[in-house]
Amino acid sequence: MSTTFAEETTPPSDSSAQDNMGLWGHPSGLTTLFFTELWERFSYYGMRAILMLYMVAALADGGMGLDTRTAATIYGVYTSSVYVTSIPGGLIADKLLGAKLSILIGGSIIALGHFTLAIHSQIAFYGGLILIILGTGLLKPNISTLLGSLYSADDDRRDGGFSIFYMGINIGAALSPLVCGYLAQSEQFKAFIAGYGFKPSDSWHFGFAAAGVGMIIGLAHFLFQYKRLGSKGARPLGAKAAASPDAGSASAPVKEAKIPLTKQEWSRLGAIAILFCFAAFFWAVYEQDGSSLNLFADRLTDCSFFGWKFPSSWFQTLPAVYCIILAPTFSLLWIKLGHRQPSSPAKFAIGLALLGAGIAVMVPASLLAAQGKVGPYWLVFSYLLQVLGEMCLSPVGLSTVTKLAPARFASSTMGMWMLATACGNFLAGYLAGFFNENSTTTLITMFGFMGGFLFLAAAILWSLTPLVRKLMSGIR
């Protein structure tokens, strides 16, 4: 196998290893990407928190009136497509636009998609989802790749940097369900807009519009701190030459080289492939947050705290809050352990086991739900265990791919890595389609199967850890 590439305008430099002017002694570019991703995730998770609930809500309540299986299928196709488009998004950045320009264009399309969802029509609903899918495909893989380029391959700060970046993701994800969920579901806001001549059932679309505002803020921040990134993520030299007036001159073609993958690169790609499979299993269960667990919160959970009722979508802020608390802790832990920290595949196995325990908590919760709505603490504890697992797998996975991927198509490899999340999201939608609040047996079987499968997957990966480490060729 071979690949064609053109060198970037400025050759890579290892000076970033000495750059400690950013957050907590990390490269200064981390600050730029931290806040940009924060607002992009605000837009995504704000919409995600209410999407499933909007689709299953009755027409009289402003929803789409879909049955659970149909809504779960649409949810799964949408969330998986967001990551499938990361593959062409990575290729476009590698070959044509560069990471920085791809982030700008992608973010603009995302914002347009959210504002399209604010229009009350079925055509606008599906059109808005398509726009968000396309925009996220351009932005998502390239912002992670751009972050990885700030560190040298042997920089012990790398995993810690990705954990901090992950904290930014989750600050946005924590705030957005509170804002978008309140606008979409609260009786207070419905009464407020009714006073201005809107129908109370239009509240859903105010929630979608708020997500678009978040993306606009993220784009403004990225432009404001653009210079912090220097030459990182610049357009490839070949793309610049092709766009210039002299690009068509036969006397000055852009020089490209076809370089076959080395044995070491093939080996490292093999390690990525193994981790890819287990990451897909992880996301198939983790993404129940926005689907089956969201429905469990809405239909089977007492959404009140000392008599104060809150929107069911507010449970969606819990995983993000836990991440905000735990991300710096894990970042410091990995830095403290240095070369003594567990290897990436070992961290993956631990993450799978913790997520399995988190979803298994919903088995006794489902038993109790047969007698009436359960207390909110079941979801509170379930989400805690799930996020502990997430901290061991998701930021570590992003960091590992940036270390193992051949440098000449780093964004493309990151796009392929995002396909694991896409596969997991699609499977998550399928599994959520079995949710039936009227059948305790179905709920116990569904949650029990997920938990048992993840425990088995964790055991298998733990036994494969020596093989994966060997394939990683010296990279932990």
Protein backbone atom coordinates (compact mmCIF):
# COMPACT_ATOMS: atom_id res chain seq x y z
CA MET A 1 0.00 0.00 0.00
CA SER A 2 1.22 3.51 -0.75
CA THR A 3 0.00 7.02 -0.23
CA THR A 4 0.58 10.28 -2.04
CA PHE A 5 1.34 13.36 -0.04
CA ALA A 6 2.85 16.79 -0.22
CA GLU A 7 4.90 18.34 2.53
CA GLU A 8 3.42 21.23 4.47
CA THR A 9 4.66 24.77 3.97
CA THR A 10 6.54 24.71 7.25
CA PRO A 11 8.31 21.49 8.17
CA PRO A 12 7.46 19.95 11.51
CA SER A 13 9.44 21.22 14.40
CA ASP A 14 10.02 19.71 17.81
CA SER A 15 10.03 23.12 19.42
CA SER A 16 6.53 22.47 20.68
CA ALA A 17 8.13 20.16 23.28
CA GLN A 18 9.51 23.27 25.01
CA ASP A 19 6.27 25.27 24.69
CA ASN A 20 4.68 25.39 28.16
CA MET A 21 2.78 28.67 27.92
CA GLY A 22 -0.68 27.11 27.77
CA LEU A 23 -2.99 25.60 30.37
CA TRP A 24 -1.13 23.85 33.22
CA GLY A 25 2.24 24.01 31.49
CA HIS A 26 1.06 22.66 28.13
CA PRO A 27 1.61 24.20 24.65
CA SER A 28 -0.12 27.54 24.11
CA GLY A 29 -2.18 26.13 21.23
CA LEU A 30 -3.97 23.87 23.70
CA THR A 31 -5.77 26.94 25.09
CA THR A 32 -7.13 27.82 21.64
CA LEU A 33 -8.36 24.31 20.91
CA PHE A 34 -9.68 23.83 24.47
CA PHE A 35 -12.19 26.68 24.20
CA THR A 36 -13.07 26.05 20.56
CA GLU A 37 -13.97 22.45 21.31
CA LEU A 38 -15.80 23.52 24.46
CA TRP A 39 -18.31 25.56 22.45
CA GLU A 40 -18.57 23.05 19.62
CA ARG A 41 -19.46 20.35 22.13
CA PHE A 42 -21.91 22.77 23.78
CA SER A 43 -23.75 22.87 20.48
CA TYR A 44 -23.59 19.11 19.88
CA TYR A 45 -24.54 17.88 23.35
CA GLY A 46 -27.20 20.55 23.83
CA MET A 47 -28.99 19.30 20.74
CA ARG A 48 -28.28 15.65 21.62
CA ALA A 49 -29.84 16.04 25.08
CA ILE A 50 -33.25 16.87 23.60
CA LEU A 51 -33.12 15.10 20.21
CA MET A 52 -34.52 11.71 21.29
CA LEU A 53 -37.09 13.31 23.58
CA TYR A 54 -38.24 15.62 20.76
CA MET A 55 -38.69 12.74 18.34
CA VAL A 56 -40.84 10.64 20.72
CA ALA A 57 -42.86 13.60 22.09
CA ALA A 58 -46.48 13.72 20.93
CA LEU A 59 -47.45 16.01 18.07
CA ALA A 60 -49.66 17.97 20.45
CA ASP A 61 -46.57 18.65 22.58
CA GLY A 62 -44.58 19.94 19.61
CA GLY A 63 -42.68 16.69 18.99
CA MET A 64 -42.60 14.33 16.03
CA GLY A 65 -44.76 11.59 17.57
CA LEU A 66 -42.41 8.75 16.57
CA ASP A 67 -42.35 5.35 18.27
CA THR A 68 -39.27 4.42 20.31
CA ARG A 69 -37.74 2.02 17.77
CA THR A 70 -38.05 4.48 14.87
CA ALA A 71 -36.68 7.37 16.93
CA ALA A 72 -33.79 5.21 18.21
CA THR A 73 -32.94 4.17 14.65
CA ILE A 74 -32.85 7.79 13.47
CA TYR A 75 -30.79 8.71 16.54
CA GLY A 76 -28.31 5.90 15.85
CA VAL A 77 -27.97 6.72 12.15
CA TYR A 78 -27.47 10.41 12.93
CA THR A 79 -24.88 9.98 15.70
CA SER A 80 -22.95 7.37 13.70
CA SER A 81 -23.00 9.49 10.54
CA VAL A 82 -21.44 12.36 12.47
CA TYR A 83 -18.36 10.18 12.86
CA VAL A 84 -18.45 8.42 9.46
CA THR A 85 -17.98 11.79 7.77
CA SER A 86 -14.77 12.20 9.77
CA ILE A 87 -13.09 9.98 7.18
CA PRO A 88 -13.60 12.30 4.18
CA GLY A 89 -13.15 15.22 6.58
CA GLY A 90 -9.68 13.98 7.47
CA LEU A 91 -8.78 13.36 3.83
CA ILE A 92 -9.94 16.84 2.81
CA ALA A 93 -7.72 18.36 5.51
CA ASP A 94 -4.70 16.20 4.62
CA LYS A 95 -4.90 16.83 0.90
CA LEU A 96 -6.58 20.18 0.40
CA LEU A 97 -7.62 22.52 3.23
CA GLY A 98 -5.38 21.76 6.19
CA ALA A 99 -6.72 21.26 9.71
CA LYS A 100 -7.25 24.92 10.64
CA LEU A 101 -9.32 25.88 7.60
CA SER A 102 -11.31 22.64 7.87
CA ILE A 103 -12.24 23.53 11.46
CA LEU A 104 -13.47 26.98 10.40
CA ILE A 105 -15.58 25.72 7.51
CA GLY A 106 -16.91 22.76 9.49
CA GLY A 107 -17.95 24.93 12.43
CA SER A 108 -19.82 27.31 10.13
CA ILE A 109 -21.80 24.43 8.60
CA ILE A 110 -22.60 23.06 12.08
CA ALA A 111 -24.00 26.42 13.19
CA LEU A 112 -26.16 26.60 10.07
CA GLY A 113 -27.48 23.11 10.84
CA HIS A 114 -28.55 24.00 14.38
CA PHE A 115 -30.36 27.13 13.21
CA THR A 116 -32.08 25.04 10.55
CA LEU A 117 -33.38 22.72 13.28
CA ALA A 118 -34.93 25.79 14.91
CA ILE A 119 -37.39 25.94 11.99
CA HIS A 120 -40.57 24.01 12.75
CA SER A 121 -40.85 21.62 9.81
CA GLN A 122 -39.95 18.02 9.05
CA ILE A 123 -37.81 19.04 6.05
CA ALA A 124 -35.86 21.48 8.23
CA PHE A 125 -35.39 18.75 10.86
CA TYR A 126 -33.71 16.30 8.50
CA GLY A 127 -31.89 19.07 6.62
CA GLY A 128 -30.46 20.40 9.88
CA LEU A 129 -29.22 16.95 10.90
CA ILE A 130 -27.50 16.52 7.53
CA LEU A 131 -25.74 19.89 7.84
CA ILE A 132 -24.51 19.05 11.36
CA ILE A 133 -23.26 15.68 10.11
CA LEU A 134 -21.27 17.30 7.28
CA GLY A 135 -19.85 20.08 9.43
CA THR A 136 -18.81 17.78 12.26
CA GLY A 137 -17.04 15.53 9.76
CA LEU A 138 -14.79 18.44 8.84
CA LEU A 139 -14.22 19.71 12.37
CA LYS A 140 -14.05 16.67 14.64
CA PRO A 141 -11.02 14.68 13.39
CA ASN A 142 -8.97 17.74 12.54
CA ILE A 143 -9.16 19.48 15.88
CA SER A 144 -7.88 16.29 17.57
CA THR A 145 -5.10 15.92 15.00
CA LEU A 146 -4.16 19.57 15.42
CA LEU A 147 -3.89 19.06 19.17
CA GLY A 148 -1.64 16.03 18.69
CA SER A 149 0.69 18.06 16.44
CA LEU A 150 1.47 20.38 19.37
CA TYR A 151 3.42 17.58 21.12
CA SER A 152 6.46 15.55 20.14
CA ALA A 153 5.96 11.77 19.99
CA ASP A 154 7.86 11.16 23.25
CA ASP A 155 6.33 14.05 25.20
CA ASP A 156 4.96 12.66 28.50
CA ARG A 157 2.49 15.59 28.60
CA ARG A 158 0.56 14.25 25.59
CA ASP A 159 -2.00 12.04 27.40
CA GLY A 160 -2.38 14.74 30.02
CA GLY A 161 -2.97 17.32 27.30
CA PHE A 162 -5.71 15.22 25.77
CA SER A 163 -7.30 14.80 29.22
CA ILE A 164 -7.34 18.59 29.64
CA PHE A 165 -8.80 18.91 26.13
CA TYR A 166 -11.41 16.37 27.21
CA MET A 167 -12.24 18.56 30.18
CA GLY A 168 -13.01 21.39 27.76
CA ILE A 169 -15.32 19.09 25.83
CA ASN A 170 -17.18 18.29 28.99
CA ILE A 171 -17.52 21.84 30.28
CA GLY A 172 -19.47 22.52 27.10
CA ALA A 173 -21.35 19.25 27.42
CA ALA A 174 -22.26 20.05 31.06
CA LEU A 175 -23.61 23.51 30.36
CA SER A 176 -25.58 22.73 27.22
CA PRO A 177 -28.22 20.28 28.58
CA LEU A 178 -28.97 22.79 31.32
CA VAL A 179 -29.50 25.59 28.80
CA CYS A 180 -31.03 23.70 25.88
CA GLY A 181 -32.99 21.34 28.14
CA TYR A 182 -34.47 24.25 30.09
CA LEU A 183 -35.51 26.06 26.91
CA ALA A 184 -36.98 22.89 25.39
CA GLN A 185 -38.77 21.32 28.36
CA SER A 186 -39.38 23.71 31.25
CA GLU A 187 -42.88 24.94 31.95
CA GLN A 188 -41.48 28.34 32.96
CA PHE A 189 -39.94 28.98 29.55
CA LYS A 190 -43.03 27.72 27.76
CA ALA A 191 -45.12 30.24 29.70
CA PHE A 192 -42.57 32.95 28.90
CA ILE A 193 -42.70 32.46 25.10
CA ALA A 194 -46.47 32.13 25.21
CA GLY A 195 -46.53 35.69 26.50
CA TYR A 196 -44.87 36.77 23.26
CA GLY A 197 -47.31 35.00 20.99
CA PHE A 198 -45.44 31.73 20.46
CA LYS A 199 -47.01 28.34 21.03
CA PRO A 200 -45.64 26.65 24.17
CA SER A 201 -44.88 23.58 22.03
CA ASP A 202 -42.38 25.68 20.02
CA SER A 203 -40.00 25.53 22.98
CA TRP A 204 -38.10 22.60 21.44
CA HIS A 205 -36.86 24.83 18.64
CA PHE A 206 -35.53 27.47 21.02
CA GLY A 207 -33.38 24.69 22.48
CA PHE A 208 -32.02 23.83 19.03
CA ALA A 209 -31.31 27.53 18.30
CA ALA A 210 -29.34 27.87 21.56
CA ALA A 211 -27.05 25.08 20.33
CA GLY A 212 -26.34 27.14 17.19
CA VAL A 213 -25.41 30.17 19.27
CA GLY A 214 -22.85 28.03 21.10
CA MET A 215 -21.15 27.07 17.83
CA ILE A 216 -20.98 30.73 16.75
CA ILE A 217 -19.17 31.58 20.00
CA GLY A 218 -16.71 28.73 19.36
CA LEU A 219 -15.92 29.99 15.86
CA ALA A 220 -15.37 33.53 17.12
CA HIS A 221 -12.93 32.27 19.75
CA PHE A 222 -11.01 30.18 17.21
CA LEU A 223 -10.55 33.18 14.94
CA PHE A 224 -9.54 35.41 17.85
CA GLN A 225 -6.74 33.04 18.95
CA TYR A 226 -5.84 31.71 15.51
CA LYS A 227 -2.22 32.93 15.69
CA ARG A 228 -1.46 30.81 18.76
CA LEU A 229 -1.35 27.75 16.49
CA GLY A 230 1.42 29.14 14.29
CA SER A 231 2.04 26.98 11.23
CA LYS A 232 0.34 23.92 12.71
CA GLY A 233 -2.59 22.72 10.61
CA ALA A 234 -1.66 24.86 7.60
CA ARG A 235 -2.86 24.00 4.10
CA PRO A 236 -0.67 21.40 2.35
CA LEU A 237 1.85 22.92 -0.05
CA GLY A 238 0.39 21.04 -3.01
CA ALA A 239 -3.09 22.44 -2.35
CA LYS A 240 -1.71 25.99 -2.16
CA ALA A 241 0.18 25.61 -5.39
CA ALA A 242 -2.87 24.19 -7.13
CA ALA A 243 -4.89 27.21 -6.05
CA SER A 244 -2.29 29.73 -7.26
CA PRO A 245 -2.43 31.39 -10.70
CA ASP A 246 0.69 29.52 -11.80
CA ALA A 247 -0.53 26.13 -10.64
CA GLY A 248 -1.45 25.02 -14.12
CA SER A 249 2.01 25.57 -15.51
CA ALA A 250 3.43 22.33 -16.81
CA SER A 251 6.94 23.61 -16.18
CA ALA A 252 6.45 23.82 -12.41
CA PRO A 253 4.48 20.80 -11.19
CA VAL A 254 4.05 20.13 -7.49
CA LYS A 255 6.49 17.46 -6.48
CA GLU A 256 4.86 14.53 -4.73
CA ALA A 257 6.29 11.29 -3.45
CA LYS A 258 4.75 7.86 -3.13
CA ILE A 259 6.18 6.30 -0.02
CA PRO A 260 5.09 2.80 0.96
CA LEU A 261 4.25 2.05 4.57
CA THR A 262 7.15 0.66 6.58
CA LYS A 263 6.95 -2.56 8.56
CA GLN A 264 6.78 -0.55 11.77
CA GLU A 265 3.94 1.62 10.44
CA TRP A 266 1.97 -1.49 9.43
CA SER A 267 2.54 -2.93 12.89
CA ARG A 268 1.28 0.22 14.59
CA LEU A 269 -1.76 0.34 12.32
CA GLY A 270 -2.46 -3.24 13.43
CA ALA A 271 -2.49 -2.07 17.05
CA ILE A 272 -4.94 0.70 16.12
CA ALA A 273 -7.18 -1.87 14.40
CA ILE A 274 -7.39 -4.03 17.54
CA LEU A 275 -8.14 -1.05 19.78
CA PHE A 276 -10.66 0.12 17.17
CA CYS A 277 -12.82 -2.97 17.71
CA PHE A 278 -12.94 -2.58 21.48
CA ALA A 279 -13.59 1.16 21.21
CA ALA A 280 -16.65 0.38 19.06
CA PHE A 281 -17.98 -1.95 21.78
CA PHE A 282 -17.40 0.79 24.34
CA TRP A 283 -19.34 3.45 22.43
CA ALA A 284 -22.24 1.10 21.70
CA VAL A 285 -22.99 1.08 25.41
CA TYR A 286 -21.77 4.53 26.39
CA GLU A 287 -24.08 6.18 23.84
CA GLN A 288 -27.10 4.80 25.69
CA ASP A 289 -26.81 8.07 27.61
CA GLY A 290 -28.68 9.99 24.94
CA SER A 291 -31.10 7.21 24.00
CA SER A 292 -32.27 4.43 26.35
CA LEU A 293 -30.96 6.06 29.54
CA ASN A 294 -32.48 9.36 28.42
CA LEU A 295 -35.84 7.61 28.05
CA PHE A 296 -35.34 5.86 31.41
CA ALA A 297 -34.81 9.28 32.99
CA ASP A 298 -37.88 10.74 31.28
CA ARG A 299 -40.33 7.90 31.89
CA LEU A 300 -39.13 5.84 34.88
CA THR A 301 -37.20 8.28 37.09
CA ASP A 302 -38.47 10.78 39.63
CA CYS A 303 -37.02 14.01 38.22
CA SER A 304 -37.17 15.99 41.45
CA PHE A 305 -34.81 17.06 44.19
CA PHE A 306 -36.36 17.87 47.60
CA GLY A 307 -39.64 18.63 45.88
CA TRP A 308 -38.08 20.75 43.11
CA LYS A 309 -38.82 19.30 39.67
CA PHE A 310 -36.29 19.60 36.87
CA PRO A 311 -36.30 18.64 33.14
CA SER A 312 -35.36 15.00 32.53
CA SER A 313 -32.76 16.13 29.97
CA TRP A 314 -30.74 17.64 32.83
CA PHE A 315 -29.46 14.16 33.68
CA GLN A 316 -27.42 14.50 30.48
CA THR A 317 -25.21 17.02 32.24
CA LEU A 318 -24.01 14.47 34.81
CA PRO A 319 -21.44 12.63 32.65
CA ALA A 320 -19.92 15.95 31.64
CA VAL A 321 -19.76 17.23 35.22
CA TYR A 322 -17.99 14.04 36.26
CA CYS A 323 -15.53 14.48 33.40
CA ILE A 324 -14.78 18.05 34.47
CA ILE A 325 -13.97 16.81 37.96
CA LEU A 326 -12.05 13.71 36.89
CA ALA A 327 -10.17 14.92 33.78
CA PRO A 328 -7.56 17.02 35.64
CA THR A 329 -7.21 14.22 38.20
CA PHE A 330 -6.45 11.66 35.49
CA SER A 331 -4.21 14.14 33.67
CA LEU A 332 -2.11 14.66 36.80
CA LEU A 333 -2.15 10.92 37.52
CA TRP A 334 -0.71 10.01 34.12
CA ILE A 335 1.95 12.73 34.43
CA LYS A 336 2.82 11.61 37.97
CA LEU A 337 3.17 7.98 36.90
CA GLY A 338 5.15 8.93 33.78
CA HIS A 339 6.57 5.79 32.15
CA ARG A 340 5.12 3.69 35.02
CA GLN A 341 1.51 4.35 33.93
CA PRO A 342 -0.51 1.47 32.43
CA SER A 343 -0.12 0.97 28.69
CA SER A 344 -2.86 2.21 26.36
CA PRO A 345 -4.45 -1.27 25.82
CA ALA A 346 -4.45 -1.87 29.60
CA LYS A 347 -6.23 1.46 30.11
CA PHE A 348 -8.75 0.41 27.46
CA ALA A 349 -9.49 -2.85 29.29
CA ILE A 350 -10.00 -1.02 32.60
CA GLY A 351 -12.32 1.44 30.85
CA LEU A 352 -14.45 -1.35 29.38
CA ALA A 353 -14.86 -3.02 32.78
CA LEU A 354 -15.88 0.22 34.48
CA LEU A 355 -18.44 1.01 31.78
CA GLY A 356 -19.81 -2.53 32.13
CA ALA A 357 -20.29 -1.97 35.85
CA GLY A 358 -22.01 1.36 35.16
CA ILE A 359 -24.61 -0.05 32.78
CA ALA A 360 -25.13 -3.12 35.01
CA VAL A 361 -26.33 -0.77 37.77
CA MET A 362 -29.45 -0.24 35.66
CA VAL A 363 -30.49 -3.89 36.16
CA PRO A 364 -31.62 -3.45 39.80
CA ALA A 365 -32.93 0.01 38.89
CA SER A 366 -35.17 -1.61 36.27
CA LEU A 367 -36.43 -4.13 38.82
CA LEU A 368 -37.44 -1.33 41.16
CA ALA A 369 -39.01 0.67 38.33
CA ALA A 370 -41.67 -2.03 38.04
CA GLN A 371 -43.07 -0.71 41.34
CA GLY A 372 -43.00 2.97 40.33
CA LYS A 373 -40.57 5.69 39.42
CA VAL A 374 -37.11 5.24 40.94
CA GLY A 375 -34.95 7.86 42.61
CA PRO A 376 -32.43 9.85 40.59
CA TYR A 377 -29.43 8.36 42.43
CA TRP A 378 -29.48 5.24 40.22
CA LEU A 379 -28.58 7.30 37.16
CA VAL A 380 -26.21 9.44 39.23
CA PHE A 381 -24.18 6.35 40.25
CA SER A 382 -24.44 4.68 36.84
CA TYR A 383 -23.06 7.75 35.08
CA LEU A 384 -20.19 8.03 37.58
CA LEU A 385 -18.94 4.52 36.81
CA GLN A 386 -19.37 5.08 33.09
CA VAL A 387 -17.32 8.26 33.14
CA LEU A 388 -14.54 6.59 35.12
CA GLY A 389 -14.39 4.14 32.24
CA GLU A 390 -14.49 6.94 29.70
CA MET A 391 -11.46 8.63 31.29
CA CYS A 392 -9.47 5.44 30.79
CA LEU A 393 -10.45 5.01 27.15
CA SER A 394 -11.59 8.01 25.16
CA PRO A 395 -8.85 10.65 25.67
CA VAL A 396 -6.27 7.87 25.76
CA GLY A 397 -7.57 6.55 22.44
CA LEU A 398 -7.25 9.95 20.77
CA SER A 399 -3.74 10.39 22.14
CA THR A 400 -2.68 6.88 21.11
CA VAL A 401 -3.85 7.32 17.52
CA THR A 402 -1.90 10.57 17.14
CA LYS A 403 1.21 8.69 18.31
CA LEU A 404 0.75 5.56 16.20
CA ALA A 405 -0.60 7.07 12.96
CA PRO A 406 1.87 7.63 10.09
CA ALA A 407 2.54 11.39 10.15
CA ARG A 408 1.83 11.88 6.44
CA PHE A 409 -1.82 10.97 6.80
CA ALA A 410 -2.49 11.68 10.46
CA SER A 411 -5.89 13.33 9.88
CA SER A 412 -7.02 10.46 7.65
CA THR A 413 -6.10 7.94 10.33
CA MET A 414 -7.94 9.99 12.94
CA GLY A 415 -10.95 9.98 10.65
CA MET A 416 -10.76 6.18 10.49
CA TRP A 417 -10.51 6.08 14.28
CA MET A 418 -13.71 8.10 14.50
CA LEU A 419 -15.34 5.28 12.53
CA ALA A 420 -15.14 3.16 15.70
CA THR A 421 -17.37 5.70 17.40
CA ALA A 422 -19.64 5.66 14.36
CA CYS A 423 -20.02 1.89 14.53
CA GLY A 424 -20.67 2.09 18.25
CA ASN A 425 -23.28 4.83 17.83
CA PHE A 426 -25.13 2.89 15.14
CA LEU A 427 -25.22 -0.21 17.33
CA ALA A 428 -26.28 1.97 20.28
CA GLY A 429 -29.34 3.11 18.32
CA TYR A 430 -30.22 -0.51 17.53
CA LEU A 431 -29.90 -1.58 21.17
CA ALA A 432 -31.92 1.41 22.40
CA GLY A 433 -34.76 0.34 20.12
CA PHE A 434 -35.47 -2.50 22.58
CA PHE A 435 -36.30 -0.04 25.36
CA ASN A 436 -39.79 -0.68 26.70
CA GLU A 437 -40.76 0.98 29.96
CA ASN A 438 -43.73 -1.39 30.25
CA SER A 439 -41.60 -4.57 30.27
CA THR A 440 -39.27 -5.09 33.22
CA THR A 441 -37.94 -8.31 31.67
CA THR A 442 -36.94 -6.49 28.49
CA LEU A 443 -35.13 -3.76 30.41
CA ILE A 444 -33.24 -6.23 32.61
CA THR A 445 -32.24 -8.31 29.59
CA MET A 446 -31.09 -5.25 27.64
CA PHE A 447 -28.98 -3.66 30.39
CA GLY A 448 -27.72 -7.03 31.65
CA PHE A 449 -26.56 -8.08 28.19
CA MET A 450 -24.64 -4.85 27.73
CA GLY A 451 -22.89 -5.14 31.09
CA GLY A 452 -21.97 -8.81 30.64
CA PHE A 453 -20.66 -8.27 27.12
CA LEU A 454 -18.37 -5.43 28.26
CA PHE A 455 -16.93 -7.51 31.14
CA LEU A 456 -16.10 -10.23 28.61
CA ALA A 457 -14.56 -7.71 26.20
CA ALA A 458 -12.42 -6.26 29.00
CA ALA A 459 -11.09 -9.71 29.90
CA ILE A 460 -10.22 -10.49 26.28
CA LEU A 461 -8.41 -7.20 25.73
CA TRP A 462 -6.49 -7.58 28.99
CA SER A 463 -5.20 -10.94 27.75
CA LEU A 464 -4.29 -9.35 24.39
CA THR A 465 -2.38 -6.45 25.97
CA PRO A 466 1.13 -7.98 25.51
CA LEU A 467 0.40 -8.55 21.79
CA VAL A 468 -0.93 -5.02 21.29
CA ARG A 469 2.08 -3.52 23.08
CA LYS A 470 4.36 -5.46 20.78
CA LEU A 471 2.53 -4.13 17.72
CA MET A 472 2.86 -0.58 19.06
CA SER A 473 6.65 -0.88 18.58
CA GLY A 474 7.85 0.91 21.68
CA ILE A 475 5.00 3.40 22.03
CA ARG A 476 2.97 3.04 25.21
